[in-house]
Amino acid sequence: MKVTKAEIEISAVSQAQYPKSNLPEIALAGRSNVGKSSFINKIIGRKNLVRTSSKPGKTRTLNFYTINEAFYFVDVPGYGYAKVSKTEREKWGRMMEEYFETREQLQLVIQIIDIRHKPTNEDIQMVDYINYLDIPLLIIATKLDKIAKNKRSQRLNQIKQVFADVEGLTIIPFSAVTNENKDLIWNEIKRYV
């Protein structure tokens, strides 16, 4: 897909602030510092639409980005080891639950996982939660360029084994450096927008 227009529409913390649009939405979830921002920038062909940071936990709101005025990417706060208070993490959890459980425009969740590591308990919980809500799910295994080519299938199989009980789950390895599998990812996204 060729992205000709991409911009942030709103950063929301509650339902009252969500866009009043019926455009389909694709949510992006993942652990803090897994590369969600880099993934979004690379997949849409922009350098700095989504701010990247070396410090995990910078996304603290639901950020709605309009893509070609046809659909939204919704960047949700990362989970895991962001250095924030327990109260702040609980607030993020409630904000995300409200979005995932009430937003009819949500068509797909893209779960970003680092291919170099076995999925964490939080990754597993997130996949189970999205599966429980019966929302279509796509897993992107990022940072593909950081592992040797002869180790890639082993790492991918490790992720597949962890999620073997999730029926019909698609897992696509991706590199934000080389753009490897970008077209495959767009083919999946197009099915939902």
Protein backbone atom coordinates (compact mmCIF):
# COMPACT_ATOMS: atom_id res chain seq x y z
CA MET A 1 0.00 0.00 0.00
CA LYS A 2 1.27 3.46 -0.85
CA VAL A 3 0.75 5.90 2.02
CA THR A 4 0.27 9.41 0.69
CA LYS A 5 -1.12 11.02 3.83
CA ALA A 6 -0.44 10.21 7.47
CA GLU A 7 -0.93 12.45 10.46
CA ILE A 8 -1.76 12.32 14.13
CA GLU A 9 -5.38 13.21 14.76
CA ILE A 10 -5.62 12.98 18.53
CA SER A 11 -4.02 11.58 21.67
CA ALA A 12 -6.84 10.21 23.82
CA VAL A 13 -7.11 8.93 27.36
CA SER A 14 -10.83 8.08 27.34
CA GLN A 15 -13.75 7.19 25.11
CA ALA A 16 -14.97 10.79 25.08
CA GLN A 17 -11.81 11.79 23.19
CA TYR A 18 -11.81 9.06 20.53
CA PRO A 19 -12.30 10.29 16.94
CA LYS A 20 -15.98 10.61 15.99
CA SER A 21 -15.32 8.62 12.84
CA ASN A 22 -16.40 5.23 11.58
CA LEU A 23 -13.09 4.56 9.84
CA PRO A 24 -11.59 1.15 10.65
CA GLU A 25 -8.88 1.08 13.30
CA ILE A 26 -5.76 -1.06 13.63
CA ALA A 27 -4.33 -1.04 17.16
CA LEU A 28 -0.62 -1.60 17.77
CA ALA A 29 0.33 -3.21 21.06
CA GLY A 30 3.59 -4.44 22.50
CA ARG A 31 6.10 -4.31 25.27
CA SER A 32 7.84 -1.02 26.00
CA ASN A 33 10.85 -0.57 23.67
CA VAL A 34 9.85 -3.39 21.30
CA GLY A 35 9.88 -0.98 18.37
CA LYS A 36 6.22 -0.02 17.86
CA SER A 37 7.05 3.57 16.88
CA SER A 38 9.78 2.47 14.47
CA PHE A 39 7.42 -0.12 13.00
CA ILE A 40 4.69 2.46 12.34
CA ASN A 41 7.14 4.97 10.84
CA LYS A 42 8.70 2.35 8.59
CA ILE A 43 5.48 0.70 7.44
CA ILE A 44 4.01 4.06 6.37
CA GLY A 45 7.28 5.35 4.94
CA ARG A 46 7.72 8.33 7.29
CA LYS A 47 10.75 9.14 9.39
CA ASN A 48 9.19 10.98 12.31
CA LEU A 49 5.41 10.74 12.32
CA VAL A 50 5.58 8.69 15.50
CA ARG A 51 8.24 9.88 17.91
CA THR A 52 10.76 7.22 18.84
CA SER A 53 12.67 7.24 22.09
CA SER A 54 15.53 5.36 23.65
CA LYS A 55 13.59 5.49 26.93
CA PRO A 56 10.78 2.92 27.15
CA GLY A 57 7.30 3.95 28.20
CA LYS A 58 7.00 7.24 26.31
CA THR A 59 3.57 6.42 24.84
CA ARG A 60 1.13 7.24 27.62
CA THR A 61 -2.03 7.85 25.61
CA LEU A 62 -3.96 6.21 22.77
CA ASN A 63 -2.50 7.96 19.72
CA PHE A 64 -4.78 7.94 16.67
CA TYR A 65 -2.96 8.36 13.33
CA THR A 66 -5.06 8.76 10.16
CA ILE A 67 -3.63 6.88 7.20
CA ASN A 68 -4.69 8.01 3.70
CA GLU A 69 -7.89 9.29 5.32
CA ALA A 70 -9.04 5.66 5.05
CA PHE A 71 -8.21 4.12 8.44
CA TYR A 72 -6.39 4.69 11.72
CA PHE A 73 -3.32 3.21 13.32
CA VAL A 74 -3.85 3.42 17.08
CA ASP A 75 -0.62 3.30 19.07
CA VAL A 76 -1.40 2.10 22.61
CA PRO A 77 0.93 2.43 25.63
CA GLY A 78 3.59 -0.25 25.88
CA TYR A 79 3.60 -2.70 28.74
CA GLY A 80 6.44 -4.34 30.62
CA TYR A 81 9.28 -2.55 32.29
CA ALA A 82 8.47 1.10 31.68
CA LYS A 83 9.68 3.02 34.71
CA VAL A 84 6.34 4.35 35.84
CA SER A 85 4.43 4.04 39.08
CA LYS A 86 2.02 1.21 39.78
CA THR A 87 -0.81 3.78 39.81
CA GLU A 88 0.18 5.02 36.33
CA ARG A 89 0.37 1.43 34.99
CA GLU A 90 -3.11 0.70 36.39
CA LYS A 91 -4.43 3.86 34.72
CA TRP A 92 -2.94 2.72 31.38
CA GLY A 93 -4.51 -0.72 31.89
CA ARG A 94 -7.98 0.77 32.43
CA MET A 95 -7.54 3.09 29.43
CA MET A 96 -6.52 0.17 27.19
CA GLU A 97 -9.30 -2.12 28.46
CA GLU A 98 -11.89 0.58 27.75
CA TYR A 99 -10.56 0.93 24.20
CA PHE A 100 -10.22 -2.79 23.41
CA GLU A 101 -13.56 -3.74 24.97
CA THR A 102 -15.76 -0.94 23.63
CA ARG A 103 -14.40 0.35 20.32
CA GLU A 104 -16.50 -1.04 17.47
CA GLN A 105 -14.18 0.47 14.84
CA LEU A 106 -11.30 -1.72 16.05
CA GLN A 107 -10.76 -4.30 13.29
CA LEU A 108 -7.32 -5.74 14.06
CA VAL A 109 -4.68 -5.74 16.78
CA ILE A 110 -1.08 -5.94 15.67
CA GLN A 111 0.99 -7.36 18.50
CA ILE A 112 4.67 -6.41 18.18
CA ILE A 113 7.15 -8.92 19.61
CA ASP A 114 10.96 -8.86 19.53
CA ILE A 115 12.05 -11.92 17.53
CA ARG A 116 15.31 -12.11 19.50
CA HIS A 117 13.54 -13.10 22.71
CA LYS A 118 10.97 -15.64 23.79
CA PRO A 119 7.57 -13.96 24.27
CA THR A 120 7.22 -12.61 27.81
CA ASN A 121 4.37 -13.37 30.21
CA GLU A 122 2.95 -9.93 29.36
CA ASP A 123 3.08 -10.79 25.62
CA ILE A 124 1.22 -14.03 26.31
CA GLN A 125 -1.37 -12.27 28.51
CA MET A 126 -1.97 -9.66 25.81
CA VAL A 127 -2.44 -12.28 23.09
CA ASP A 128 -4.78 -14.27 25.36
CA TYR A 129 -6.75 -11.11 26.16
CA ILE A 130 -7.19 -10.09 22.51
CA ASN A 131 -8.07 -13.68 21.62
CA TYR A 132 -10.62 -13.76 24.48
CA LEU A 133 -12.22 -10.56 23.11
CA ASP A 134 -12.37 -12.28 19.70
CA ILE A 135 -10.55 -9.44 17.93
CA PRO A 136 -8.46 -10.47 14.91
CA LEU A 137 -4.77 -10.55 15.78
CA LEU A 138 -1.54 -10.33 13.77
CA ILE A 139 1.85 -10.82 15.39
CA ILE A 140 4.83 -8.95 13.97
CA ALA A 141 8.21 -10.28 15.12
CA THR A 142 10.43 -7.21 14.82
CA LYS A 143 14.20 -6.69 14.81
CA LEU A 144 14.69 -9.47 12.25
CA ASP A 145 17.90 -7.81 11.01
CA LYS A 146 19.49 -8.27 14.45
CA ILE A 147 19.68 -12.06 14.25
CA ALA A 148 21.70 -14.27 11.94
CA LYS A 149 19.81 -15.66 8.95
CA ASN A 150 20.51 -19.23 10.06
CA LYS A 151 18.79 -18.53 13.43
CA ARG A 152 15.63 -16.92 12.05
CA SER A 153 13.47 -20.00 11.57
CA GLN A 154 14.46 -21.27 15.03
CA ARG A 155 13.37 -17.97 16.63
CA LEU A 156 10.14 -17.88 14.62
CA ASN A 157 9.32 -21.47 15.60
CA GLN A 158 9.90 -20.58 19.25
CA ILE A 159 7.26 -17.84 19.00
CA LYS A 160 4.89 -20.15 17.11
CA GLN A 161 5.20 -22.79 19.84
CA VAL A 162 4.34 -20.28 22.57
CA PHE A 163 1.15 -19.33 20.72
CA ALA A 164 0.34 -22.76 19.26
CA ASP A 165 -3.07 -22.83 20.95
CA VAL A 166 -4.22 -19.60 19.24
CA GLU A 167 -6.14 -20.78 16.21
CA GLY A 168 -5.29 -19.29 12.81
CA LEU A 169 -2.69 -16.86 14.17
CA THR A 170 -0.44 -15.22 11.58
CA ILE A 171 3.12 -14.34 12.62
CA ILE A 172 5.27 -12.27 10.26
CA PRO A 173 8.94 -11.46 10.91
CA PHE A 174 9.89 -7.86 10.07
CA SER A 175 12.91 -5.58 9.95
CA ALA A 176 12.52 -1.80 10.24
CA VAL A 177 16.07 -1.54 8.89
CA THR A 178 15.65 -3.59 5.69
CA ASN A 179 11.84 -3.42 5.26
CA GLU A 180 11.81 -7.20 4.93
CA ASN A 181 8.21 -8.50 4.69
CA LYS A 182 6.65 -5.01 4.56
CA ASP A 183 4.46 -6.04 1.60
CA LEU A 184 3.29 -9.17 3.43
CA ILE A 185 2.24 -7.05 6.38
CA TRP A 186 0.31 -4.61 4.18
CA ASN A 187 -1.46 -7.54 2.52
CA GLU A 188 -2.68 -8.63 5.97
CA ILE A 189 -3.69 -5.10 6.99
CA LYS A 190 -5.66 -4.57 3.76
CA ARG A 191 -7.95 -7.44 4.71
CA TYR A 192 -9.24 -5.34 7.64
CA VAL A 193 -9.43 -1.86 6.12
